[in-house]
Amino acid sequence: MDVLTEGLARTAHYIVSEDNPNRCREQIMIAAGSGLLTAGAVLGFLLANQGAVTVGAPAFTGTGNGVLTKAGTPYGAGVQEGTYRIQLIDEGANAGDFEVVRPDGAIDGFASVGVAYDGEVKFTIADGATDFASPAAFTLPVTIADPVSVGKYVPFDPDGTNGSEIACAVLYEGCDATTRDVRRTVTVRDTSVQIDVLSWPDGITDDQKTAALASLAARGIIGR
């Protein structure tokens, strides 16, 4: 005998009650890479974030043959696009202090030979056989790509850092956004929803779920 199974996550199945549907729902874009989603999936909204950062190869001018080596992750918070200038301000035998200047002209900090520098850019300058002498300087070019998928919705991710960690909507109808953006309807306000049929990411904790439900409630999506 053939056994047929039927998914219960039908369109709008999670809704207990809602105000005017024209106000409670919106059409939005689900970002490609979100995968196969069912109605009732809790969503986050991708905020204006920073695109991929690339720190290029250092260049050196002046006297000295020490080497600047970038850190494994060669940039920190607030990194700017443009060229960082790392210029010698105090020379010495097997030593030296450098001023790190940001692309906007502001001083980022001061780096010493042999000490890891931890600023908007991250690196270590090693001493060479020939000591550094003024006007020795390194430059580090930084490029920042355009942000990806800003303004689109993705599955809620409590560990995210790009807006996906803020629960703000519930998917009204299922979709497959594995390889392409998909336009869909979502619940965004003034709706009571059935908590036990909402769809959450694997591994979510009770505390994370409670926080997400509070975030939804702040937007008028009330769990029952």
C-alpha atoms as a PDB file:
ATOM      1  CA  MET A   1       0.000   0.000   0.000  1.00  0.00           C
ATOM      2  CA  ASP A   2       1.314   3.428  -0.917  1.00  0.00           C
ATOM      3  CA  VAL A   3       1.672   5.846   1.975  1.00  0.00           C
ATOM      4  CA  LEU A   4       1.144   9.501   1.182  1.00  0.00           C
ATOM      5  CA  THR A   5       2.501  12.246   3.389  1.00  0.00           C
ATOM      6  CA  GLU A   6       1.356  15.836   3.392  1.00  0.00           C
ATOM      7  CA  GLY A   7       3.253  18.788   4.767  1.00  0.00           C
ATOM      8  CA  LEU A   8       1.266  20.788   7.287  1.00  0.00           C
ATOM      9  CA  ALA A   9       3.199  24.021   6.802  1.00  0.00           C
ATOM     10  CA  ARG A  10       0.695  25.451   4.378  1.00  0.00           C
ATOM     11  CA  THR A  11       0.483  29.120   3.474  1.00  0.00           C
ATOM     12  CA  ALA A  12      -0.476  31.228   6.536  1.00  0.00           C
ATOM     13  CA  HIS A  13      -0.990  28.131   8.726  1.00  0.00           C
ATOM     14  CA  TYR A  14       0.769  29.827  11.659  1.00  0.00           C
ATOM     15  CA  ILE A  15      -1.663  32.778  11.857  1.00  0.00           C
ATOM     16  CA  VAL A  16      -4.110  32.821  14.781  1.00  0.00           C
ATOM     17  CA  SER A  17      -5.541  36.225  13.925  1.00  0.00           C
ATOM     18  CA  GLU A  18      -4.471  39.381  12.155  1.00  0.00           C
ATOM     19  CA  ASP A  19      -5.635  42.930  11.654  1.00  0.00           C
ATOM     20  CA  ASN A  20      -6.107  44.293   8.134  1.00  0.00           C
ATOM     21  CA  PRO A  21      -4.033  41.946   5.906  1.00  0.00           C
ATOM     22  CA  ASN A  22      -3.002  44.893   3.749  1.00  0.00           C
ATOM     23  CA  ARG A  23      -1.276  46.335   6.793  1.00  0.00           C
ATOM     24  CA  CYS A  24      -0.076  43.126   8.438  1.00  0.00           C
ATOM     25  CA  ARG A  25       1.699  41.687   5.410  1.00  0.00           C
ATOM     26  CA  GLU A  26       4.332  42.968   3.015  1.00  0.00           C
ATOM     27  CA  GLN A  27       6.000  41.676  -0.113  1.00  0.00           C
ATOM     28  CA  ILE A  28       9.753  41.364   0.346  1.00  0.00           C
ATOM     29  CA  MET A  29      12.770  39.674  -1.209  1.00  0.00           C
ATOM     30  CA  ILE A  30      14.293  36.513   0.264  1.00  0.00           C
ATOM     31  CA  ALA A  31      18.056  36.485  -0.399  1.00  0.00           C
ATOM     32  CA  ALA A  32      19.593  33.764  -2.537  1.00  0.00           C
ATOM     33  CA  GLY A  33      21.331  31.165  -0.398  1.00  0.00           C
ATOM     34  CA  SER A  34      18.526  31.073   2.169  1.00  0.00           C
ATOM     35  CA  GLY A  35      17.573  27.578   1.052  1.00  0.00           C
ATOM     36  CA  LEU A  36      14.212  25.836   1.126  1.00  0.00           C
ATOM     37  CA  LEU A  37      11.904  27.639   3.550  1.00  0.00           C
ATOM     38  CA  THR A  38       8.427  26.752   4.768  1.00  0.00           C
ATOM     39  CA  ALA A  39       5.590  29.047   5.748  1.00  0.00           C
ATOM     40  CA  GLY A  40       6.090  30.025   9.378  1.00  0.00           C
ATOM     41  CA  ALA A  41       9.865  30.452   9.095  1.00  0.00           C
ATOM     42  CA  VAL A  42      11.144  33.246  11.322  1.00  0.00           C
ATOM     43  CA  LEU A  43      13.196  35.757   9.347  1.00  0.00           C
ATOM     44  CA  GLY A  44      15.790  38.460   9.891  1.00  0.00           C
ATOM     45  CA  PHE A  45      16.546  41.512   7.739  1.00  0.00           C
ATOM     46  CA  LEU A  46      19.998  42.146   6.294  1.00  0.00           C
ATOM     47  CA  LEU A  47      21.195  45.567   7.408  1.00  0.00           C
ATOM     48  CA  ALA A  48      23.610  47.871   5.628  1.00  0.00           C
ATOM     49  CA  ASN A  49      26.828  46.042   6.351  1.00  0.00           C
ATOM     50  CA  GLN A  50      30.408  46.211   5.204  1.00  0.00           C
ATOM     51  CA  GLY A  51      31.339  44.282   2.103  1.00  0.00           C
ATOM     52  CA  ALA A  52      34.328  41.971   1.889  1.00  0.00           C
ATOM     53  CA  VAL A  53      37.575  43.658   2.964  1.00  0.00           C
ATOM     54  CA  THR A  54      40.848  43.014   1.143  1.00  0.00           C
ATOM     55  CA  VAL A  55      44.159  44.244   2.534  1.00  0.00           C
ATOM     56  CA  GLY A  56      46.728  44.271  -0.246  1.00  0.00           C
ATOM     57  CA  ALA A  57      50.466  43.662  -0.214  1.00  0.00           C
ATOM     58  CA  PRO A  58      52.577  46.173   1.726  1.00  0.00           C
ATOM     59  CA  ALA A  59      54.971  48.438  -0.158  1.00  0.00           C
ATOM     60  CA  PHE A  60      58.100  50.036   1.334  1.00  0.00           C
ATOM     61  CA  THR A  61      60.102  53.144   0.530  1.00  0.00           C
ATOM     62  CA  GLY A  62      63.208  54.483   2.259  1.00  0.00           C
ATOM     63  CA  THR A  63      66.095  52.976   4.181  1.00  0.00           C
ATOM     64  CA  GLY A  64      65.902  49.595   5.899  1.00  0.00           C
ATOM     65  CA  ASN A  65      65.111  46.040   4.902  1.00  0.00           C
ATOM     66  CA  GLY A  66      62.779  44.937   7.657  1.00  0.00           C
ATOM     67  CA  VAL A  67      59.528  43.306   6.631  1.00  0.00           C
ATOM     68  CA  LEU A  68      55.896  44.135   7.412  1.00  0.00           C
ATOM     69  CA  THR A  69      53.798  40.972   7.757  1.00  0.00           C
ATOM     70  CA  LYS A  70      50.005  41.213   7.810  1.00  0.00           C
ATOM     71  CA  ALA A  71      48.093  39.448  10.578  1.00  0.00           C
ATOM     72  CA  GLY A  72      45.964  36.415   9.753  1.00  0.00           C
ATOM     73  CA  THR A  73      42.943  38.720   9.778  1.00  0.00           C
ATOM     74  CA  PRO A  74      44.673  41.933   8.731  1.00  0.00           C
ATOM     75  CA  TYR A  75      41.969  44.457   9.636  1.00  0.00           C
ATOM     76  CA  GLY A  76      39.766  45.432  12.555  1.00  0.00           C
ATOM     77  CA  ALA A  77      36.559  47.313  13.273  1.00  0.00           C
ATOM     78  CA  GLY A  78      36.135  50.566  11.383  1.00  0.00           C
ATOM     79  CA  VAL A  79      38.686  49.761   8.681  1.00  0.00           C
ATOM     80  CA  GLN A  80      38.541  52.296   5.848  1.00  0.00           C
ATOM     81  CA  GLU A  81      38.954  51.915   2.132  1.00  0.00           C
ATOM     82  CA  GLY A  82      42.120  53.547   0.839  1.00  0.00           C
ATOM     83  CA  THR A  83      45.814  53.497   1.710  1.00  0.00           C
ATOM     84  CA  TYR A  84      47.191  53.292   5.249  1.00  0.00           C
ATOM     85  CA  ARG A  85      50.605  54.935   5.631  1.00  0.00           C
ATOM     86  CA  ILE A  86      52.966  53.538   8.264  1.00  0.00           C
ATOM     87  CA  GLN A  87      55.817  56.015   8.604  1.00  0.00           C
ATOM     88  CA  LEU A  88      58.937  55.923  10.772  1.00  0.00           C
ATOM     89  CA  ILE A  89      58.979  58.567  13.503  1.00  0.00           C
ATOM     90  CA  ASP A  90      61.720  57.240  15.813  1.00  0.00           C
ATOM     91  CA  GLU A  91      64.661  55.207  14.554  1.00  0.00           C
ATOM     92  CA  GLY A  92      67.121  53.097  16.510  1.00  0.00           C
ATOM     93  CA  ALA A  93      69.474  50.143  16.314  1.00  0.00           C
ATOM     94  CA  ASN A  94      67.381  47.001  15.707  1.00  0.00           C
ATOM     95  CA  ALA A  95      64.302  49.041  16.595  1.00  0.00           C
ATOM     96  CA  GLY A  96      61.976  51.748  15.395  1.00  0.00           C
ATOM     97  CA  ASP A  97      58.597  53.330  16.035  1.00  0.00           C
ATOM     98  CA  PHE A  98      56.074  54.055  13.302  1.00  0.00           C
ATOM     99  CA  GLU A  99      53.002  56.268  13.106  1.00  0.00           C
ATOM    100  CA  VAL A 100      50.007  54.614  11.434  1.00  0.00           C
ATOM    101  CA  VAL A 101      47.912  57.089   9.440  1.00  0.00           C
ATOM    102  CA  ARG A 102      44.451  56.207   8.138  1.00  0.00           C
ATOM    103  CA  PRO A 103      43.247  57.008   4.620  1.00  0.00           C
ATOM    104  CA  ASP A 104      41.272  59.987   5.988  1.00  0.00           C
ATOM    105  CA  GLY A 105      44.454  61.458   7.492  1.00  0.00           C
ATOM    106  CA  ALA A 106      43.685  60.665  11.134  1.00  0.00           C
ATOM    107  CA  ILE A 107      46.268  58.869  13.263  1.00  0.00           C
ATOM    108  CA  ASP A 108      45.244  55.263  13.894  1.00  0.00           C
ATOM    109  CA  GLY A 109      48.021  54.518  16.388  1.00  0.00           C
ATOM    110  CA  PHE A 110      51.700  53.762  16.802  1.00  0.00           C
ATOM    111  CA  ALA A 111      53.566  50.584  15.907  1.00  0.00           C
ATOM    112  CA  SER A 112      56.939  49.372  17.175  1.00  0.00           C
ATOM    113  CA  VAL A 113      59.336  46.962  15.511  1.00  0.00           C
ATOM    114  CA  GLY A 114      58.768  43.421  16.765  1.00  0.00           C
ATOM    115  CA  VAL A 115      55.393  44.172  18.372  1.00  0.00           C
ATOM    116  CA  ALA A 116      52.069  43.127  16.830  1.00  0.00           C
ATOM    117  CA  TYR A 117      50.030  46.189  15.874  1.00  0.00           C
ATOM    118  CA  ASP A 118      46.277  45.908  16.507  1.00  0.00           C
ATOM    119  CA  GLY A 119      44.325  48.777  14.972  1.00  0.00           C
ATOM    120  CA  GLU A 120      42.108  49.297  11.960  1.00  0.00           C
ATOM    121  CA  VAL A 121      44.836  47.348  10.176  1.00  0.00           C
ATOM    122  CA  LYS A 122      46.826  44.583  11.874  1.00  0.00           C
ATOM    123  CA  PHE A 123      50.449  43.640  11.229  1.00  0.00           C
ATOM    124  CA  THR A 124      53.924  43.146  12.683  1.00  0.00           C
ATOM    125  CA  ILE A 125      57.091  44.886  11.491  1.00  0.00           C
ATOM    126  CA  ALA A 126      60.248  42.774  11.806  1.00  0.00           C
ATOM    127  CA  ASP A 127      63.763  44.206  12.038  1.00  0.00           C
ATOM    128  CA  GLY A 128      66.163  43.613   9.167  1.00  0.00           C
ATOM    129  CA  ALA A 129      69.936  43.575   8.740  1.00  0.00           C
ATOM    130  CA  THR A 130      69.739  47.227   7.723  1.00  0.00           C
ATOM    131  CA  ASP A 131      68.054  49.401  10.340  1.00  0.00           C
ATOM    132  CA  PHE A 132      65.160  51.621   9.408  1.00  0.00           C
ATOM    133  CA  ALA A 133      66.042  55.283   8.877  1.00  0.00           C
ATOM    134  CA  SER A 134      63.864  58.286   8.040  1.00  0.00           C
ATOM    135  CA  PRO A 135      61.949  58.748   5.815  1.00  0.00           C
ATOM    136  CA  ALA A 136      61.193  55.010   5.844  1.00  0.00           C
ATOM    137  CA  ALA A 137      57.525  54.146   5.343  1.00  0.00           C
ATOM    138  CA  PHE A 138      55.216  51.273   4.452  1.00  0.00           C
ATOM    139  CA  THR A 139      51.855  51.564   2.746  1.00  0.00           C
ATOM    140  CA  LEU A 140      48.952  49.126   3.008  1.00  0.00           C
ATOM    141  CA  PRO A 141      46.124  49.371   0.451  1.00  0.00           C
ATOM    142  CA  VAL A 142      42.610  48.417   1.557  1.00  0.00           C
ATOM    143  CA  THR A 143      39.653  47.777  -0.732  1.00  0.00           C
ATOM    144  CA  ILE A 144      36.086  47.140   0.437  1.00  0.00           C
ATOM    145  CA  ALA A 145      33.560  45.460  -1.842  1.00  0.00           C
ATOM    146  CA  ASP A 146      29.955  46.593  -2.087  1.00  0.00           C
ATOM    147  CA  PRO A 147      27.705  44.966   0.551  1.00  0.00           C
ATOM    148  CA  VAL A 148      25.817  41.877  -0.574  1.00  0.00           C
ATOM    149  CA  SER A 149      22.029  41.368  -0.250  1.00  0.00           C
ATOM    150  CA  VAL A 150      21.431  44.435   1.930  1.00  0.00           C
ATOM    151  CA  GLY A 151      17.709  45.064   2.370  1.00  0.00           C
ATOM    152  CA  LYS A 152      16.725  41.433   1.810  1.00  0.00           C
ATOM    153  CA  TYR A 153      15.392  38.857   4.265  1.00  0.00           C
ATOM    154  CA  VAL A 154      17.109  35.660   5.384  1.00  0.00           C
ATOM    155  CA  PRO A 155      16.353  32.912   7.915  1.00  0.00           C
ATOM    156  CA  PHE A 156      16.720  34.090  11.500  1.00  0.00           C
ATOM    157  CA  ASP A 157      20.204  33.318  12.853  1.00  0.00           C
ATOM    158  CA  PRO A 158      20.772  34.034  16.565  1.00  0.00           C
ATOM    159  CA  ASP A 159      24.533  34.002  15.967  1.00  0.00           C
ATOM    160  CA  GLY A 160      24.426  36.418  13.029  1.00  0.00           C
ATOM    161  CA  THR A 161      26.028  39.865  12.974  1.00  0.00           C
ATOM    162  CA  ASN A 162      24.426  41.343   9.855  1.00  0.00           C
ATOM    163  CA  GLY A 163      20.818  41.784  10.944  1.00  0.00           C
ATOM    164  CA  SER A 164      19.883  38.112  10.615  1.00  0.00           C
ATOM    165  CA  GLU A 165      20.121  37.866  14.410  1.00  0.00           C
ATOM    166  CA  ILE A 166      17.106  40.183  14.839  1.00  0.00           C
ATOM    167  CA  ALA A 167      13.805  38.336  14.361  1.00  0.00           C
ATOM    168  CA  CYS A 168      11.479  40.705  12.530  1.00  0.00           C
ATOM    169  CA  ALA A 169       9.117  38.779  10.232  1.00  0.00           C
ATOM    170  CA  VAL A 170       7.447  35.430   9.573  1.00  0.00           C
ATOM    171  CA  LEU A 171       7.293  33.870   6.125  1.00  0.00           C
ATOM    172  CA  TYR A 172       3.674  33.739   4.917  1.00  0.00           C
ATOM    173  CA  GLU A 173       4.255  31.208   2.132  1.00  0.00           C
ATOM    174  CA  GLY A 174       7.057  28.738   1.481  1.00  0.00           C
ATOM    175  CA  CYS A 175       9.778  29.213  -1.128  1.00  0.00           C
ATOM    176  CA  ASP A 176      13.035  27.851  -2.502  1.00  0.00           C
ATOM    177  CA  ALA A 177      15.709  30.560  -2.323  1.00  0.00           C
ATOM    178  CA  THR A 178      18.638  28.178  -2.665  1.00  0.00           C
ATOM    179  CA  THR A 179      20.139  29.679  -5.813  1.00  0.00           C
ATOM    180  CA  ARG A 180      18.229  32.892  -6.484  1.00  0.00           C
ATOM    181  CA  ASP A 181      16.396  35.726  -4.787  1.00  0.00           C
ATOM    182  CA  VAL A 182      12.674  35.036  -4.372  1.00  0.00           C
ATOM    183  CA  ARG A 183       9.874  37.554  -3.818  1.00  0.00           C
ATOM    184  CA  ARG A 184       7.443  36.427  -1.130  1.00  0.00           C
ATOM    185  CA  THR A 185       4.844  37.713   1.319  1.00  0.00           C
ATOM    186  CA  VAL A 186       5.716  37.962   5.014  1.00  0.00           C
ATOM    187  CA  THR A 187       3.931  38.873   8.226  1.00  0.00           C
ATOM    188  CA  VAL A 188       5.497  42.015   9.677  1.00  0.00           C
ATOM    189  CA  ARG A 189       3.017  43.473  12.209  1.00  0.00           C
ATOM    190  CA  ASP A 190      -0.314  43.308  14.064  1.00  0.00           C
ATOM    191  CA  THR A 191      -0.682  39.521  13.982  1.00  0.00           C
ATOM    192  CA  SER A 192      -1.091  36.736  16.547  1.00  0.00           C
ATOM    193  CA  VAL A 193       0.885  33.623  15.619  1.00  0.00           C
ATOM    194  CA  GLN A 194       0.971  30.047  16.899  1.00  0.00           C
ATOM    195  CA  ILE A 195       4.380  29.626  18.507  1.00  0.00           C
ATOM    196  CA  ASP A 196       4.623  25.851  18.259  1.00  0.00           C
ATOM    197  CA  VAL A 197       4.347  25.820  14.456  1.00  0.00           C
ATOM    198  CA  LEU A 198       6.937  28.506  13.745  1.00  0.00           C
ATOM    199  CA  SER A 199      10.076  27.305  11.971  1.00  0.00           C
ATOM    200  CA  TRP A 200      13.419  27.950  13.701  1.00  0.00           C
ATOM    201  CA  PRO A 201      17.065  27.280  12.802  1.00  0.00           C
ATOM    202  CA  ASP A 202      18.571  23.991  13.936  1.00  0.00           C
ATOM    203  CA  GLY A 203      20.241  24.142  17.332  1.00  0.00           C
ATOM    204  CA  ILE A 204      18.414  27.209  18.615  1.00  0.00           C
ATOM    205  CA  THR A 205      18.233  27.359  22.419  1.00  0.00           C
ATOM    206  CA  ASP A 206      15.167  28.151  24.498  1.00  0.00           C
ATOM    207  CA  ASP A 207      16.731  31.448  25.578  1.00  0.00           C
ATOM    208  CA  GLN A 208      17.428  32.425  21.973  1.00  0.00           C
ATOM    209  CA  LYS A 209      13.881  31.527  20.988  1.00  0.00           C
ATOM    210  CA  THR A 210      12.483  33.587  23.871  1.00  0.00           C
ATOM    211  CA  ALA A 211      14.577  36.576  22.802  1.00  0.00           C
ATOM    212  CA  ALA A 212      13.441  36.172  19.189  1.00  0.00           C
ATOM    213  CA  LEU A 213       9.779  36.026  20.227  1.00  0.00           C
ATOM    214  CA  ALA A 214      10.281  39.209  22.240  1.00  0.00           C
ATOM    215  CA  SER A 215      11.776  40.848  19.152  1.00  0.00           C
ATOM    216  CA  LEU A 216       8.752  39.791  17.100  1.00  0.00           C
ATOM    217  CA  ALA A 217       6.385  41.011  19.834  1.00  0.00           C
ATOM    218  CA  ALA A 218       8.049  44.429  19.760  1.00  0.00           C
ATOM    219  CA  ARG A 219       6.951  44.592  16.117  1.00  0.00           C
ATOM    220  CA  GLY A 220       3.391  43.545  16.896  1.00  0.00           C
ATOM    221  CA  ILE A 221       3.795  39.846  16.033  1.00  0.00           C
ATOM    222  CA  ILE A 222       2.495  38.201  19.194  1.00  0.00           C
ATOM    223  CA  GLY A 223       3.094  34.542  20.006  1.00  0.00           C
ATOM    224  CA  ARG A 224       0.206  32.474  21.380  1.00  0.00           C
END
